Protein backbone atom coordinates (compact mmCIF):
# COMPACT_ATOMS: atom_id res chain seq x y z
CA MET A 1 -12.89 108.17 -138.46
CA PRO A 2 -13.50 109.99 -141.79
CA SER A 3 -10.99 112.00 -143.79
CA TYR A 4 -11.57 114.24 -146.72
CA TYR A 5 -9.77 114.98 -150.05
CA ASP A 6 -8.94 118.81 -150.96
CA GLU A 7 -9.26 119.03 -154.70
CA ASN A 8 -7.36 122.25 -154.61
CA SER A 9 -4.35 121.28 -152.84
CA LYS A 10 -4.50 117.58 -153.87
CA ASN A 11 -4.01 116.56 -150.23
CA TRP A 12 -6.08 114.84 -147.52
CA TYR A 13 -7.23 116.35 -144.36
CA CYS A 14 -9.06 115.47 -141.09
CA ILE A 15 -11.43 117.54 -139.10
CA PHE A 16 -13.10 116.31 -135.73
CA TYR A 17 -14.05 117.39 -132.24
CA PHE A 18 -12.41 116.50 -129.01
CA THR A 19 -12.45 117.46 -125.39
CA ASP A 20 -9.33 119.03 -123.91
CA TRP A 21 -7.91 118.89 -120.51
CA THR A 22 -10.18 121.72 -119.05
CA GLY A 23 -13.28 119.77 -120.26
CA THR A 24 -13.94 122.28 -123.21
CA ARG A 25 -15.14 120.68 -126.57
CA LYS A 26 -12.94 121.89 -129.43
CA GLN A 27 -12.73 121.32 -133.06
CA LYS A 28 -9.38 120.24 -134.66
CA LYS A 29 -8.49 120.39 -138.44
CA LYS A 30 -5.38 119.22 -139.91
CA ARG A 31 -4.22 119.43 -143.52
CA GLY A 32 -1.42 118.39 -145.91
CA PHE A 33 -1.50 114.55 -145.81
CA ALA A 34 -0.44 112.83 -148.98
CA ARG A 35 -2.62 109.84 -148.01
CA LYS A 36 -5.89 109.22 -146.50
CA LYS A 37 -4.32 106.60 -144.13
CA ASP A 38 -1.99 109.24 -142.83
CA ALA A 39 -4.61 111.72 -142.03
CA GLN A 40 -6.61 108.89 -140.19
CA GLU A 41 -3.46 107.83 -138.21
CA TRP A 42 -2.79 111.34 -137.20
CA GLU A 43 -6.46 111.90 -135.83
CA ARG A 44 -6.27 108.67 -134.15
CA ASP A 45 -2.94 109.56 -132.45
CA PHE A 46 -4.13 112.97 -131.50
CA LEU A 47 -7.18 111.76 -129.68
CA ALA A 48 -5.34 108.98 -127.94
CA ARG A 49 -3.04 111.60 -126.51
CA GLN A 50 -6.24 113.56 -125.25
CA SER A 51 -7.90 110.48 -123.82
CA VAL A 52 -5.07 109.38 -121.49
CA ASN A 53 -4.41 106.20 -123.65
CA PRO A 54 -1.13 104.42 -123.65
CA GLY A 55 -2.01 103.07 -127.28
CA MET A 56 -0.55 106.00 -129.00
CA LYS A 57 2.64 105.97 -131.01
CA PHE A 58 5.87 106.38 -128.91
CA ALA A 59 6.77 109.58 -130.88
CA SER A 60 3.68 111.17 -129.37
CA MET A 61 4.36 110.00 -125.90
CA ALA A 62 7.87 111.34 -126.20
CA GLU A 63 6.49 114.79 -127.44
CA LEU A 64 4.17 114.83 -124.40
CA TYR A 65 7.00 113.88 -122.12
CA LEU A 66 9.02 116.88 -123.52
CA GLN A 67 6.22 119.25 -123.11
CA ASP A 68 6.02 118.44 -119.55
CA LYS A 69 9.81 118.74 -119.11
CA GLN A 70 9.83 122.20 -120.83
CA GLU A 71 7.22 123.28 -118.32
CA HIS A 72 9.05 121.89 -115.22
CA THR A 73 12.75 121.71 -115.71
CA LYS A 74 15.46 124.29 -116.70
CA GLN A 75 15.99 125.20 -120.24
CA ILE A 76 19.28 123.44 -120.60
CA THR A 77 17.86 120.29 -118.96
CA TYR A 78 15.03 120.14 -121.38
CA GLN A 79 17.47 120.79 -124.36
CA THR A 80 19.67 118.10 -123.35
CA LYS A 81 16.95 115.49 -122.96
CA LYS A 82 15.45 116.65 -126.19
CA ASN A 83 18.71 116.08 -128.13
CA ARG A 84 19.16 112.59 -126.52
CA ILE A 85 15.70 111.54 -127.31
CA GLU A 86 15.79 112.71 -131.08
CA LYS A 87 19.10 111.23 -131.47
CA TRP A 88 19.29 107.87 -129.83
CA ILE A 89 15.77 106.90 -129.05
CA LEU A 90 13.18 108.20 -131.57
CA PRO A 91 14.80 106.42 -134.58
CA TYR A 92 14.34 103.09 -133.04
CA PHE A 93 10.68 103.50 -131.33
CA GLN A 94 9.05 106.55 -132.85
CA ASP A 95 6.42 104.55 -134.99
CA GLN A 96 5.69 101.72 -132.43
CA GLN A 97 2.69 101.81 -130.18
CA VAL A 98 3.69 102.54 -126.61
CA ASP A 99 1.92 99.60 -124.74
CA LYS A 100 3.17 97.22 -127.50
CA ILE A 101 6.83 97.88 -126.74
CA THR A 102 8.32 94.98 -124.65
CA ALA A 103 11.36 94.34 -122.58
CA ALA A 104 12.64 92.15 -125.46
CA ASN A 105 12.35 95.26 -127.71
CA ILE A 106 14.33 97.46 -125.05
CA ARG A 107 17.26 94.91 -124.78
CA ALA A 108 17.54 94.56 -128.57
CA TRP A 109 17.73 98.51 -128.74
CA GLN A 110 20.40 98.28 -125.96
CA GLY A 111 22.41 95.83 -127.83
CA GLU A 112 22.44 98.33 -131.06
CA ILE A 113 23.27 101.33 -129.17
CA LYS A 114 26.21 99.61 -127.23
CA ASN A 115 27.75 99.07 -130.63
CA THR A 116 27.13 102.64 -132.04
CA HIS A 117 29.91 105.21 -132.29
CA GLY A 118 29.53 108.88 -131.59
CA ALA A 119 30.70 111.84 -133.65
CA ASN A 120 34.39 111.32 -132.60
CA GLY A 121 34.39 107.87 -134.20
CA LYS A 122 34.65 106.08 -130.77
CA PRO A 123 32.06 103.91 -128.92
CA LEU A 124 29.70 105.66 -126.69
CA SER A 125 30.89 105.58 -123.00
CA PRO A 126 29.24 103.55 -120.32
CA GLY A 127 28.05 106.82 -118.53
CA TYR A 128 26.54 108.11 -121.54
CA LEU A 129 24.82 104.95 -122.54
CA GLN A 130 23.35 104.88 -119.00
CA ASN A 131 22.03 108.40 -119.55
CA ILE A 132 20.15 107.49 -122.66
CA VAL A 133 18.78 104.29 -121.10
CA THR A 134 17.47 106.41 -118.15
CA GLU A 135 15.98 108.85 -120.51
CA LEU A 136 13.93 106.03 -122.27
CA SER A 137 13.04 104.77 -118.84
CA GLY A 138 11.74 108.28 -117.94
CA ILE A 139 9.48 108.40 -120.84
CA PHE A 140 7.81 105.14 -119.94
CA ASN A 141 7.60 106.13 -116.17
CA PHE A 142 5.67 109.26 -117.51
CA ALA A 143 3.54 106.84 -119.60
CA VAL A 144 2.85 104.69 -116.38
CA ARG A 145 2.16 107.58 -114.18
CA PHE A 146 -0.02 109.87 -116.57
CA TYR A 147 -1.29 107.58 -119.36
CA GLY A 148 -2.22 104.33 -117.80
CA LEU A 149 0.77 102.15 -119.03
CA ALA A 150 0.74 99.06 -116.98
CA VAL A 151 4.32 98.52 -116.51
CA ASN A 152 7.72 100.25 -117.72
CA PRO A 153 9.39 97.73 -119.88
CA CYS A 154 12.85 99.22 -119.15
CA VAL A 155 12.43 98.21 -115.53
CA VAL A 156 11.83 94.41 -116.74
CA ALA A 157 14.52 94.77 -119.34
CA GLY A 158 17.31 95.97 -116.94
CA ASN A 159 20.37 97.89 -117.97
CA THR A 160 22.93 95.87 -120.19
CA VAL A 161 24.83 98.83 -121.41
CA GLY A 162 26.87 99.20 -118.17
CA LYS A 163 27.02 102.06 -115.57
CA LYS A 164 28.91 105.24 -115.03
CA GLN A 165 32.39 104.61 -113.62
CA LYS A 166 32.73 106.80 -110.41
CA SER A 167 36.19 108.29 -110.93
CA LEU A 168 37.47 111.65 -109.62
CA SER A 169 40.23 113.63 -111.24
CA PHE A 170 41.89 116.49 -109.49
CA TRP A 171 44.97 118.38 -109.10
CA THR A 172 46.88 119.13 -105.87
CA LYS A 173 47.87 122.63 -105.05
CA ALA A 174 51.37 121.81 -106.32
CA ASP A 175 49.92 120.59 -109.61
CA PHE A 176 47.95 123.78 -110.12
CA ASP A 177 50.94 125.91 -109.30
CA LYS A 178 52.83 124.30 -112.12
CA PHE A 179 49.91 124.82 -114.43
CA ILE A 180 49.21 128.38 -113.67
CA ASP A 181 53.02 129.34 -114.08
CA THR A 182 52.63 128.59 -117.70
CA PHE A 183 50.41 131.82 -118.07
CA GLN A 184 51.37 135.47 -118.11
CA ALA A 185 49.46 137.25 -115.17
CA SER A 186 48.01 139.60 -117.71
CA ASP A 187 46.13 136.71 -119.63
CA GLU A 188 42.53 136.77 -119.30
CA ARG A 189 42.58 132.91 -118.78
CA TYR A 190 45.04 133.29 -115.82
CA THR A 191 42.44 135.13 -113.88
CA ALA A 192 39.69 132.62 -114.99
CA PHE A 193 41.75 129.49 -114.02
CA MET A 194 42.53 131.27 -110.66
CA LEU A 195 38.92 131.74 -109.93
CA LEU A 196 37.85 128.32 -110.84
CA TYR A 197 40.49 126.59 -108.71
CA TYR A 198 40.40 128.98 -105.55
CA THR A 199 36.54 129.28 -105.54
CA GLY A 200 35.20 125.93 -107.05
CA MET A 201 32.64 127.71 -109.02
CA ARG A 202 31.28 126.07 -112.18
CA ILE A 203 32.45 127.22 -115.47
CA GLY A 204 28.99 128.66 -116.30
CA GLU A 205 28.99 130.56 -113.19
CA LEU A 206 32.29 132.05 -114.19
CA GLN A 207 31.21 132.89 -117.68
CA ALA A 208 28.03 134.68 -116.26
CA LEU A 209 29.94 136.98 -113.77
CA THR A 210 29.68 140.61 -114.08
CA LEU A 211 31.16 143.59 -112.25
CA ALA A 212 27.90 143.91 -110.27
CA ASP A 213 28.52 140.52 -108.82
CA LEU A 214 31.79 141.57 -107.23
CA ASP A 215 31.80 142.94 -103.59
CA PHE A 216 35.55 143.75 -103.01
CA LYS A 217 34.76 145.39 -99.62
CA LYS A 218 33.35 142.41 -98.26
CA GLY A 219 35.68 140.06 -100.24
CA MET A 220 32.92 138.10 -101.88
CA ILE A 221 31.63 136.97 -105.18
CA HIS A 222 27.66 136.71 -105.59
CA ILE A 223 26.70 133.58 -107.56
CA ASN A 224 23.36 134.28 -108.90
CA LYS A 225 23.28 133.05 -112.55
CA THR A 226 25.01 130.81 -115.09
CA TYR A 227 25.81 131.08 -118.86
CA HIS A 228 24.81 128.32 -121.44
CA ILE A 229 24.66 128.15 -125.14
CA ILE A 230 21.35 126.50 -125.86
CA ALA A 231 20.44 125.71 -129.60
CA GLY A 232 23.35 127.93 -130.75
CA LYS A 233 22.20 130.96 -128.74
CA PRO A 234 23.82 132.38 -125.54
CA VAL A 235 21.34 132.18 -122.65
CA ILE A 236 21.63 133.33 -118.86
CA THR A 237 19.69 131.26 -116.71
CA PRO A 238 19.43 130.97 -112.71
CA PRO A 239 22.17 128.62 -111.25
CA LYS A 240 21.80 124.75 -111.42
CA THR A 241 20.04 124.35 -108.04
CA ALA A 242 18.42 126.69 -105.38
CA LYS A 243 21.52 126.24 -103.15
CA SER A 244 23.72 127.19 -106.18
CA THR A 245 22.75 130.82 -105.59
CA ARG A 246 25.38 131.72 -102.85
CA ASP A 247 28.18 134.10 -101.85
CA ILE A 248 31.70 132.79 -102.24
CA PHE A 249 34.33 134.57 -99.81
CA ILE A 250 37.65 135.01 -101.55
CA PRO A 251 41.14 135.88 -99.98
CA LYS A 252 43.02 139.07 -100.68
CA PHE A 253 45.36 137.57 -103.36
CA LEU A 254 42.28 136.75 -105.36
CA ILE A 255 40.76 140.05 -104.88
CA ASP A 256 44.03 141.67 -106.12
CA CYS A 257 44.16 139.24 -109.17
CA LEU A 258 40.49 140.26 -110.12
CA LYS A 259 41.22 143.94 -109.49
CA GLY A 260 44.26 143.75 -111.86
CA TYR A 261 42.27 141.93 -114.59
CA ILE A 262 39.39 144.54 -114.45
CA GLY A 263 41.97 147.48 -114.49
CA ARG A 264 43.02 146.05 -117.99
CA LEU A 265 39.58 146.20 -119.50
CA TYR A 266 38.43 148.97 -121.54
CA LYS A 267 35.39 150.91 -119.85
CA PRO A 268 33.76 147.72 -118.25
CA GLN A 269 30.06 148.11 -117.61
CA GLN A 270 28.49 146.88 -114.41
CA GLU A 271 26.16 144.30 -116.06
CA ALA A 272 28.56 143.15 -119.07
CA ARG A 273 30.08 139.65 -118.65
CA LEU A 274 33.65 139.85 -117.55
CA PHE A 275 34.80 136.49 -119.01
CA ASP A 276 33.40 136.08 -122.60
CA LEU A 277 35.46 133.23 -123.83
CA SER A 278 33.79 129.96 -124.88
CA ARG A 279 33.87 126.87 -122.97
CA SER A 280 35.82 125.26 -125.81
CA ALA A 281 38.25 128.07 -125.59
CA TYR A 282 38.95 127.44 -121.92
CA ALA A 283 39.16 123.60 -122.47
CA SER A 284 41.62 124.05 -125.29
CA ALA A 285 43.83 126.41 -123.05
CA LEU A 286 43.59 123.77 -120.34
CA LYS A 287 44.71 121.13 -122.44
CA GLN A 288 47.66 123.07 -124.04
CA HIS A 289 49.07 124.60 -120.77
CA THR A 290 48.72 121.17 -118.94
CA GLU A 291 50.95 119.65 -121.62
CA GLN A 292 53.36 122.50 -121.16
CA ALA A 293 53.40 121.91 -117.35
CA GLY A 294 53.87 118.06 -117.88
CA LEU A 295 50.86 117.25 -115.74
CA LYS A 296 48.14 114.72 -116.14
CA GLN A 297 45.22 115.95 -118.29
CA ILE A 298 41.86 116.99 -116.54
CA ARG A 299 38.75 118.61 -117.56
CA VAL A 300 37.73 122.21 -116.84
CA HIS A 301 35.17 120.91 -114.34
CA ASP A 302 37.83 118.95 -112.39
CA LEU A 303 39.27 122.45 -111.20
CA ARG A 304 35.95 122.32 -109.13
CA HIS A 305 36.84 118.87 -107.73
CA SER A 306 40.26 120.23 -107.14
CA HIS A 307 38.96 122.98 -104.91
CA ALA A 308 36.88 120.62 -103.02
CA SER A 309 39.91 118.41 -102.45
CA LEU A 310 41.89 121.33 -101.22
CA LEU A 311 39.33 122.20 -98.68
CA ILE A 312 39.18 118.78 -97.45
CA GLU A 313 42.91 118.51 -97.21
CA LEU A 314 42.91 121.63 -95.15
CA GLY A 315 40.58 120.08 -92.75
CA PHE A 316 37.16 121.81 -93.59
CA SER A 317 33.94 119.86 -92.89
CA ALA A 318 31.71 118.52 -95.59
CA LEU A 319 29.09 121.14 -94.61
CA LEU A 320 31.43 123.97 -95.55
CA VAL A 321 32.51 122.28 -98.72
CA SER A 322 28.77 121.84 -99.64
CA GLU A 323 28.00 125.59 -99.04
CA ARG A 324 30.98 126.85 -100.96
CA LEU A 325 30.29 124.54 -103.87
CA GLY A 326 26.66 125.29 -103.99
CA HIS A 327 25.52 121.55 -103.62
CA GLU A 328 21.81 120.95 -102.89
CA SER A 329 22.62 119.02 -99.75
CA VAL A 330 25.63 117.75 -97.88
CA SER A 331 24.73 114.35 -99.05
CA THR A 332 25.56 115.39 -102.50
CA THR A 333 29.10 116.43 -101.23
CA LEU A 334 29.60 113.29 -99.38
CA ASN A 335 28.46 111.12 -102.35
CA ILE A 336 31.04 112.77 -104.44
CA TYR A 337 33.94 113.26 -102.08
CA SER A 338 33.50 110.96 -99.21
CA HIS A 339 36.47 109.04 -99.96
CA LEU A 340 38.77 112.20 -99.77
CA PHE A 341 37.79 112.75 -96.30
CA PRO A 342 40.27 111.04 -93.77
CA SER A 343 39.24 108.45 -91.58
CA ARG A 344 39.02 109.47 -87.97
CA GLN A 345 38.21 106.05 -86.61
CA SER A 346 41.45 105.62 -84.60
CA GLU A 347 40.88 109.21 -83.00
CA VAL A 348 37.31 108.02 -82.01
CA VAL A 349 38.85 104.75 -80.33
CA ASP A 350 41.38 106.79 -78.35
CA LYS A 351 38.78 109.37 -77.14
CA LEU A 352 36.52 106.47 -76.11
CA GLU A 353 39.28 104.79 -74.33
CA ARG A 354 40.31 107.96 -72.31
CA LEU A 355 36.67 108.45 -71.57
CA TYR A 356 36.23 105.02 -70.18
CA ASN A 357 39.40 105.22 -68.22
CA GLU A 358 38.54 108.66 -66.69
CA GLY A 359 35.17 107.13 -65.46
CA LYS A 360 37.02 104.42 -63.58
């Protein structure tokens, strides 16, 4: 594995041939190494990636994993994964050889991140820690599936950082009425929060809404896109899942609310976003006005849970709740809200009793 010294640049470089995934033989040249050893290591790692070899550096495997995710997942999902890997995983494992990382190494890493504090100065939550561990396990699963790694060491190590606590925060209609009464009806945020509570749409779906998405004649809102900030830039993407593209029917009072809001806008364009405040602005307003109303604090996303709770209280089925929220399946709805559906076991017993007696 020869490397060469460039007298002009005073740096080392490597040049070699390899066969890519299509079977084509190609030449690769890489310059700018301070040491001969660095050039040789780079060539060795590059060839390991091309030859489906789990002996490459972890940083290279993570790069391949992220390339795959960039091709096959939504941009926001890719960016989230990239941020977690770069911040919490690569600093520990980047220079280690993938097939040399053991379950003991994983457990030692888990011990360190459990004692790490986030940007707010507080320990990382069990839910967030679980997300990081899942991300690391995903990289090793990728190596097992596509690069011949014998076993995922995360599976052997287990999860010592804790798990997400399944809790659901929501407001009743009485709670929401107290909250919304702290706004002037002419306030943009009044209309935004009315929509979030009475439709269950996601905040990104609200931020992406345009005039073209509103059909007042049919009394519906077309949800067909969502708004994100990715790498500091605003991005409009398709909704979270295929089922998230949906039509939400709305009552007359919400139509009137929207018409009043639009009437106060200056020459609104069909394709311009109607609600252009940032997520942090909505979160800040929610916190401030919740305090004014004397209510328990919830997140903006919890207004979506509040809508689901309202529908369940009104007696609607899990299927209808699922369709309105744009869940991928009814099982998703039941996984989140099953405990809110009233038990009808006694009703079943009564009907079986009557059926039996009628037969006799």
